Amino acid sequence: MGKLSKILVTIGVVFLFFVIFGVIAGTMSAAGRTPGIFGLIVMGALYGALKAIWKKPKKEDGNDNSSILQK
């Protein structure tokens, strides 16, 4: 994935996070409570999504020194 597409997807994920968190906070504040566990779950999902988006692929050296008999 290119850098520009990662930036655009990150902006989309953060926007979606604010929308979902706003809905959770709005419904919870109408009931007189804080977002609580649902807010933590959404924050964990944001963290996981951003980590997955910006994950760097592992580089393979191609140094496979094992023989065919050891496999």
PDB file of N, CA and C in Angstrom:
ATOM      1  N   MET A   1       0.846  -1.159   0.000  1.00  0.00           N
ATOM      2  CA  MET A   1       0.000   0.000   0.000  1.00  0.00           C
ATOM      3  C   MET A   1       0.896   1.229   0.000  1.00  0.00           C
ATOM      4  N   GLY A   2       0.575   2.187  -0.832  1.00  0.00           N
ATOM      5  CA  GLY A   2       1.370   3.396  -0.912  1.00  0.00           C
ATOM      6  C   GLY A   2       1.142   4.322   0.267  1.00  0.00           C
ATOM      7  N   LYS A   3       2.033   5.269   0.413  1.00  0.00           N
ATOM      8  CA  LYS A   3       1.961   6.177   1.556  1.00  0.00           C
ATOM      9  C   LYS A   3       0.720   7.061   1.500  1.00  0.00           C
ATOM     10  N   LEU A   4       0.363   7.530   0.298  1.00  0.00           N
ATOM     11  CA  LEU A   4      -0.818   8.383   0.168  1.00  0.00           C
ATOM     12  C   LEU A   4      -2.087   7.616   0.532  1.00  0.00           C
ATOM     13  N   SER A   5      -2.186   6.382   0.090  1.00  0.00           N
ATOM     14  CA  SER A   5      -3.372   5.593   0.420  1.00  0.00           C
ATOM     15  C   SER A   5      -3.434   5.290   1.915  1.00  0.00           C
ATOM     16  N   LYS A   6      -2.278   5.083   2.549  1.00  0.00           N
ATOM     17  CA  LYS A   6      -2.260   4.871   3.996  1.00  0.00           C
ATOM     18  C   LYS A   6      -2.749   6.109   4.734  1.00  0.00           C
ATOM     19  N   ILE A   7      -2.331   7.277   4.268  1.00  0.00           N
ATOM     20  CA  ILE A   7      -2.759   8.526   4.902  1.00  0.00           C
ATOM     21  C   ILE A   7      -4.261   8.713   4.744  1.00  0.00           C
ATOM     22  N   LEU A   8      -4.779   8.449   3.551  1.00  0.00           N
ATOM     23  CA  LEU A   8      -6.216   8.606   3.311  1.00  0.00           C
ATOM     24  C   LEU A   8      -7.036   7.614   4.136  1.00  0.00           C
ATOM     25  N   VAL A   9      -6.583   6.378   4.223  1.00  0.00           N
ATOM     26  CA  VAL A   9      -7.288   5.380   5.021  1.00  0.00           C
ATOM     27  C   VAL A   9      -7.213   5.744   6.509  1.00  0.00           C
ATOM     28  N   THR A  10      -6.075   6.267   6.950  1.00  0.00           N
ATOM     29  CA  THR A  10      -5.932   6.688   8.343  1.00  0.00           C
ATOM     30  C   THR A  10      -6.907   7.808   8.665  1.00  0.00           C
ATOM     31  N   ILE A  11      -7.038   8.779   7.775  1.00  0.00           N
ATOM     32  CA  ILE A  11      -7.985   9.873   7.979  1.00  0.00           C
ATOM     33  C   ILE A  11      -9.407   9.330   8.055  1.00  0.00           C
ATOM     34  N   GLY A  12      -9.736   8.379   7.178  1.00  0.00           N
ATOM     35  CA  GLY A  12     -11.064   7.770   7.205  1.00  0.00           C
ATOM     36  C   GLY A  12     -11.336   7.015   8.490  1.00  0.00           C
ATOM     37  N   VAL A  13     -10.340   6.271   8.980  1.00  0.00           N
ATOM     38  CA  VAL A  13     -10.506   5.500  10.215  1.00  0.00           C
ATOM     39  C   VAL A  13     -10.668   6.433  11.409  1.00  0.00           C
ATOM     40  N   VAL A  14      -9.877   7.494  11.465  1.00  0.00           N
ATOM     41  CA  VAL A  14      -9.982   8.444  12.581  1.00  0.00           C
ATOM     42  C   VAL A  14     -11.333   9.150  12.547  1.00  0.00           C
ATOM     43  N   PHE A  15     -11.812   9.520  11.352  1.00  0.00           N
ATOM     44  CA  PHE A  15     -13.128  10.149  11.231  1.00  0.00           C
ATOM     45  C   PHE A  15     -14.222   9.194  11.702  1.00  0.00           C
ATOM     46  N   LEU A  16     -14.138   7.940  11.277  1.00  0.00           N
ATOM     47  CA  LEU A  16     -15.117   6.945  11.694  1.00  0.00           C
ATOM     48  C   LEU A  16     -15.071   6.731  13.203  1.00  0.00           C
ATOM     49  N   PHE A  17     -13.867   6.777  13.785  1.00  0.00           N
ATOM     50  CA  PHE A  17     -13.727   6.658  15.234  1.00  0.00           C
ATOM     51  C   PHE A  17     -14.463   7.791  15.933  1.00  0.00           C
ATOM     52  N   PHE A  18     -14.279   9.016  15.464  1.00  0.00           N
ATOM     53  CA  PHE A  18     -14.946  10.150  16.104  1.00  0.00           C
ATOM     54  C   PHE A  18     -16.462  10.052  15.976  1.00  0.00           C
ATOM     55  N   VAL A  19     -16.945   9.580  14.839  1.00  0.00           N
ATOM     56  CA  VAL A  19     -18.390   9.430  14.666  1.00  0.00           C
ATOM     57  C   VAL A  19     -18.940   8.381  15.628  1.00  0.00           C
ATOM     58  N   ILE A  20     -18.298   7.217  15.659  1.00  0.00           N
ATOM     59  CA  ILE A  20     -18.779   6.140  16.530  1.00  0.00           C
ATOM     60  C   ILE A  20     -18.657   6.525  18.001  1.00  0.00           C
ATOM     61  N   PHE A  21     -17.527   7.143  18.367  1.00  0.00           N
ATOM     62  CA  PHE A  21     -17.343   7.544  19.759  1.00  0.00           C
ATOM     63  C   PHE A  21     -18.330   8.642  20.138  1.00  0.00           C
ATOM     64  N   GLY A  22     -18.632   9.529  19.201  1.00  0.00           N
ATOM     65  CA  GLY A  22     -19.625  10.571  19.463  1.00  0.00           C
ATOM     66  C   GLY A  22     -21.006   9.989  19.702  1.00  0.00           C
ATOM     67  N   VAL A  23     -21.363   8.987  18.926  1.00  0.00           N
ATOM     68  CA  VAL A  23     -22.656   8.323  19.120  1.00  0.00           C
ATOM     69  C   VAL A  23     -22.695   7.635  20.483  1.00  0.00           C
ATOM     70  N   ILE A  24     -21.621   6.943  20.824  1.00  0.00           N
ATOM     71  CA  ILE A  24     -21.567   6.264  22.127  1.00  0.00           C
ATOM     72  C   ILE A  24     -21.637   7.279  23.262  1.00  0.00           C
ATOM     73  N   ALA A  25     -20.845   8.347  23.161  1.00  0.00           N
ATOM     74  CA  ALA A  25     -20.833   9.355  24.220  1.00  0.00           C
ATOM     75  C   ALA A  25     -22.182  10.069  24.310  1.00  0.00           C
ATOM     76  N   GLY A  26     -22.819  10.313  23.171  1.00  0.00           N
ATOM     77  CA  GLY A  26     -24.122  10.980  23.185  1.00  0.00           C
ATOM     78  C   GLY A  26     -25.201  10.135  23.824  1.00  0.00           C
ATOM     79  N   THR A  27     -25.214   8.857  23.498  1.00  0.00           N
ATOM     80  CA  THR A  27     -26.238   7.997  24.088  1.00  0.00           C
ATOM     81  C   THR A  27     -25.969   7.745  25.567  1.00  0.00           C
ATOM     82  N   MET A  28     -24.713   7.661  25.935  1.00  0.00           N
ATOM     83  CA  MET A  28     -24.400   7.435  27.343  1.00  0.00           C
ATOM     84  C   MET A  28     -24.648   8.696  28.176  1.00  0.00           C
ATOM     85  N   SER A  29     -24.362   9.868  27.619  1.00  0.00           N
ATOM     86  CA  SER A  29     -24.578  11.088  28.396  1.00  0.00           C
ATOM     87  C   SER A  29     -26.065  11.365  28.579  1.00  0.00           C
ATOM     88  N   ALA A  30     -26.888  10.913  27.634  1.00  0.00           N
ATOM     89  CA  ALA A  30     -28.339  11.054  27.801  1.00  0.00           C
ATOM     90  C   ALA A  30     -28.817  10.206  28.969  1.00  0.00           C
ATOM     91  N   ALA A  31     -28.106   9.125  29.229  1.00  0.00           N
ATOM     92  CA  ALA A  31     -28.462   8.263  30.353  1.00  0.00           C
ATOM     93  C   ALA A  31     -27.741   8.686  31.634  1.00  0.00           C
ATOM     94  N   GLY A  32     -26.869   9.690  31.546  1.00  0.00           N
ATOM     95  CA  GLY A  32     -26.161  10.179  32.721  1.00  0.00           C
ATOM     96  C   GLY A  32     -24.944   9.367  33.089  1.00  0.00           C
ATOM     97  N   ARG A  33     -24.357   8.657  32.106  1.00  0.00           N
ATOM     98  CA  ARG A  33     -23.184   7.825  32.376  1.00  0.00           C
ATOM     99  C   ARG A  33     -22.042   8.217  31.441  1.00  0.00           C
ATOM    100  N   THR A  34     -20.870   7.628  31.689  1.00  0.00           N
ATOM    101  CA  THR A  34     -19.718   7.842  30.814  1.00  0.00           C
ATOM    102  C   THR A  34     -19.653   6.704  29.800  1.00  0.00           C
ATOM    103  N   PRO A  35     -18.895   6.863  28.704  1.00  0.00           N
ATOM    104  CA  PRO A  35     -18.822   5.817  27.680  1.00  0.00           C
ATOM    105  C   PRO A  35     -18.332   4.470  28.208  1.00  0.00           C
ATOM    106  N   GLY A  36     -17.467   4.463  29.200  1.00  0.00           N
ATOM    107  CA  GLY A  36     -17.058   3.230  29.863  1.00  0.00           C
ATOM    108  C   GLY A  36     -16.393   2.214  28.957  1.00  0.00           C
ATOM    109  N   ILE A  37     -16.854   0.971  29.052  1.00  0.00           N
ATOM    110  CA  ILE A  37     -16.210  -0.137  28.354  1.00  0.00           C
ATOM    111  C   ILE A  37     -16.371  -0.010  26.842  1.00  0.00           C
ATOM    112  N   PHE A  38     -17.481   0.531  26.374  1.00  0.00           N
ATOM    113  CA  PHE A  38     -17.666   0.685  24.932  1.00  0.00           C
ATOM    114  C   PHE A  38     -16.657   1.668  24.345  1.00  0.00           C
ATOM    115  N   GLY A  39     -16.356   2.726  25.081  1.00  0.00           N
ATOM    116  CA  GLY A  39     -15.336   3.671  24.647  1.00  0.00           C
ATOM    117  C   GLY A  39     -13.963   3.042  24.580  1.00  0.00           C
ATOM    118  N   LEU A  40     -13.661   2.191  25.552  1.00  0.00           N
ATOM    119  CA  LEU A  40     -12.374   1.493  25.548  1.00  0.00           C
ATOM    120  C   LEU A  40     -12.274   0.517  24.391  1.00  0.00           C
ATOM    121  N   ILE A  41     -13.368  -0.167  24.083  1.00  0.00           N
ATOM    122  CA  ILE A  41     -13.367  -1.096  22.957  1.00  0.00           C
ATOM    123  C   ILE A  41     -13.143  -0.360  21.646  1.00  0.00           C
ATOM    124  N   VAL A  42     -13.786   0.781  21.478  1.00  0.00           N
ATOM    125  CA  VAL A  42     -13.622   1.560  20.248  1.00  0.00           C
ATOM    126  C   VAL A  42     -12.205   2.111  20.149  1.00  0.00           C
ATOM    127  N   MET A  43     -11.630   2.541  21.264  1.00  0.00           N
ATOM    128  CA  MET A  43     -10.246   3.027  21.240  1.00  0.00           C
ATOM    129  C   MET A  43      -9.267   1.903  20.905  1.00  0.00           C
ATOM    130  N   GLY A  44      -9.516   0.717  21.431  1.00  0.00           N
ATOM    131  CA  GLY A  44      -8.683  -0.434  21.098  1.00  0.00           C
ATOM    132  C   GLY A  44      -8.789  -0.790  19.626  1.00  0.00           C
ATOM    133  N   ALA A  45      -9.996  -0.672  19.081  1.00  0.00           N
ATOM    134  CA  ALA A  45     -10.187  -0.933  17.647  1.00  0.00           C
ATOM    135  C   ALA A  45      -9.444   0.097  16.806  1.00  0.00           C
ATOM    136  N   LEU A  46      -9.466   1.361  17.235  1.00  0.00           N
ATOM    137  CA  LEU A  46      -8.721   2.405  16.521  1.00  0.00           C
ATOM    138  C   LEU A  46      -7.232   2.100  16.547  1.00  0.00           C
ATOM    139  N   TYR A  47      -6.710   1.739  17.715  1.00  0.00           N
ATOM    140  CA  TYR A  47      -5.289   1.416  17.844  1.00  0.00           C
ATOM    141  C   TYR A  47      -4.908   0.237  16.945  1.00  0.00           C
ATOM    142  N   GLY A  48      -5.711  -0.810  16.969  1.00  0.00           N
ATOM    143  CA  GLY A  48      -5.433  -1.983  16.141  1.00  0.00           C
ATOM    144  C   GLY A  48      -5.496  -1.678  14.654  1.00  0.00           C
ATOM    145  N   ALA A  49      -6.472  -0.868  14.259  1.00  0.00           N
ATOM    146  CA  ALA A  49      -6.605  -0.513  12.847  1.00  0.00           C
ATOM    147  C   ALA A  49      -5.413   0.317  12.373  1.00  0.00           C
ATOM    148  N   LEU A  50      -5.014   1.302  13.163  1.00  0.00           N
ATOM    149  CA  LEU A  50      -3.876   2.136  12.774  1.00  0.00           C
ATOM    150  C   LEU A  50      -2.578   1.325  12.756  1.00  0.00           C
ATOM    151  N   LYS A  51      -2.442   0.405  13.679  1.00  0.00           N
ATOM    152  CA  LYS A  51      -1.244  -0.436  13.703  1.00  0.00           C
ATOM    153  C   LYS A  51      -1.203  -1.345  12.474  1.00  0.00           C
ATOM    154  N   ALA A  52      -2.360  -1.868  12.081  1.00  0.00           N
ATOM    155  CA  ALA A  52      -2.420  -2.735  10.902  1.00  0.00           C
ATOM    156  C   ALA A  52      -2.180  -1.949   9.613  1.00  0.00           C
ATOM    157  N   ILE A  53      -2.655  -0.723   9.560  1.00  0.00           N
ATOM    158  CA  ILE A  53      -2.467   0.096   8.355  1.00  0.00           C
ATOM    159  C   ILE A  53      -0.998   0.431   8.165  1.00  0.00           C
ATOM    160  N   TRP A  54      -0.318   0.824   9.228  1.00  0.00           N
ATOM    161  CA  TRP A  54       1.068   1.290   9.127  1.00  0.00           C
ATOM    162  C   TRP A  54       2.097   0.198   9.367  1.00  0.00           C
ATOM    163  N   LYS A  55       1.664  -1.057   9.385  1.00  0.00           N
ATOM    164  CA  LYS A  55       2.583  -2.173   9.584  1.00  0.00           C
ATOM    165  C   LYS A  55       3.524  -2.293   8.386  1.00  0.00           C
ATOM    166  N   LYS A  56       4.796  -2.460   8.674  1.00  0.00           N
ATOM    167  CA  LYS A  56       5.783  -2.617   7.607  1.00  0.00           C
ATOM    168  C   LYS A  56       5.941  -4.097   7.291  1.00  0.00           C
ATOM    169  N   PRO A  57       6.021  -4.427   6.015  1.00  0.00           N
ATOM    170  CA  PRO A  57       6.182  -5.851   5.671  1.00  0.00           C
ATOM    171  C   PRO A  57       7.560  -6.351   6.092  1.00  0.00           C
ATOM    172  N   LYS A  58       7.606  -7.625   6.466  1.00  0.00           N
ATOM    173  CA  LYS A  58       8.884  -8.219   6.848  1.00  0.00           C
ATOM    174  C   LYS A  58       9.728  -8.423   5.598  1.00  0.00           C
ATOM    175  N   LYS A  59      10.994  -8.119   5.724  1.00  0.00           N
ATOM    176  CA  LYS A  59      11.904  -8.293   4.593  1.00  0.00           C
ATOM    177  C   LYS A  59      12.529  -9.680   4.669  1.00  0.00           C
ATOM    178  N   GLU A  60      12.454 -10.388   3.572  1.00  0.00           N
ATOM    179  CA  GLU A  60      13.072 -11.709   3.501  1.00  0.00           C
ATOM    180  C   GLU A  60      14.435 -11.566   2.845  1.00  0.00           C
ATOM    181  N   ASP A  61      15.432 -12.132   3.490  1.00  0.00           N
ATOM    182  CA  ASP A  61      16.788 -12.046   2.961  1.00  0.00           C
ATOM    183  C   ASP A  61      17.021 -13.038   1.833  1.00  0.00           C
ATOM    184  N   GLY A  62      16.281 -14.100   1.830  1.00  0.00           N
ATOM    185  CA  GLY A  62      16.495 -15.119   0.812  1.00  0.00           C
ATOM    186  C   GLY A  62      17.640 -16.040   1.151  1.00  0.00           C
ATOM    187  N   ASN A  63      18.173 -15.949   2.351  1.00  0.00           N
ATOM    188  CA  ASN A  63      19.271 -16.812   2.783  1.00  0.00           C
ATOM    189  C   ASN A  63      18.687 -18.059   3.443  1.00  0.00           C
ATOM    190  N   ASP A  64      18.205 -18.950   2.635  1.00  0.00           N
ATOM    191  CA  ASP A  64      17.664 -20.202   3.147  1.00  0.00           C
ATOM    192  C   ASP A  64      18.770 -21.242   3.066  1.00  0.00           C
ATOM    193  N   ASN A  65      19.525 -21.367   4.132  1.00  0.00           N
ATOM    194  CA  ASN A  65      20.699 -22.235   4.142  1.00  0.00           C
ATOM    195  C   ASN A  65      20.370 -23.688   4.463  1.00  0.00           C
ATOM    196  N   SER A  66      19.110 -23.992   4.677  1.00  0.00           N
ATOM    197  CA  SER A  66      18.765 -25.369   5.019  1.00  0.00           C
ATOM    198  C   SER A  66      18.685 -26.202   3.753  1.00  0.00           C
ATOM    199  N   SER A  67      19.136 -27.428   3.863  1.00  0.00           N
ATOM    200  CA  SER A  67      19.102 -28.315   2.720  1.00  0.00           C
ATOM    201  C   SER A  67      17.719 -28.935   2.574  1.00  0.00           C
ATOM    202  N   ILE A  68      17.487 -29.572   1.469  1.00  0.00           N
ATOM    203  CA  ILE A  68      16.202 -30.190   1.199  1.00  0.00           C
ATOM    204  C   ILE A  68      15.939 -31.356   2.139  1.00  0.00           C
ATOM    205  N   LEU A  69      17.006 -31.978   2.666  1.00  0.00           N
ATOM    206  CA  LEU A  69      16.840 -33.121   3.557  1.00  0.00           C
ATOM    207  C   LEU A  69      16.387 -32.694   4.954  1.00  0.00           C
ATOM    208  N   GLN A  70      16.648 -31.448   5.326  1.00  0.00           N
ATOM    209  CA  GLN A  70      16.266 -30.984   6.655  1.00  0.00           C
ATOM    210  C   GLN A  70      14.838 -30.486   6.721  1.00  0.00           C
ATOM    211  N   LYS A  71      14.186 -30.377   5.614  1.00  0.00           N
ATOM    212  CA  LYS A  71      12.820 -29.866   5.601  1.00  0.00           C
ATOM    213  C   LYS A  71      11.825 -30.906   5.858  1.00  0.00           C
TER     214      LYS A  71
END
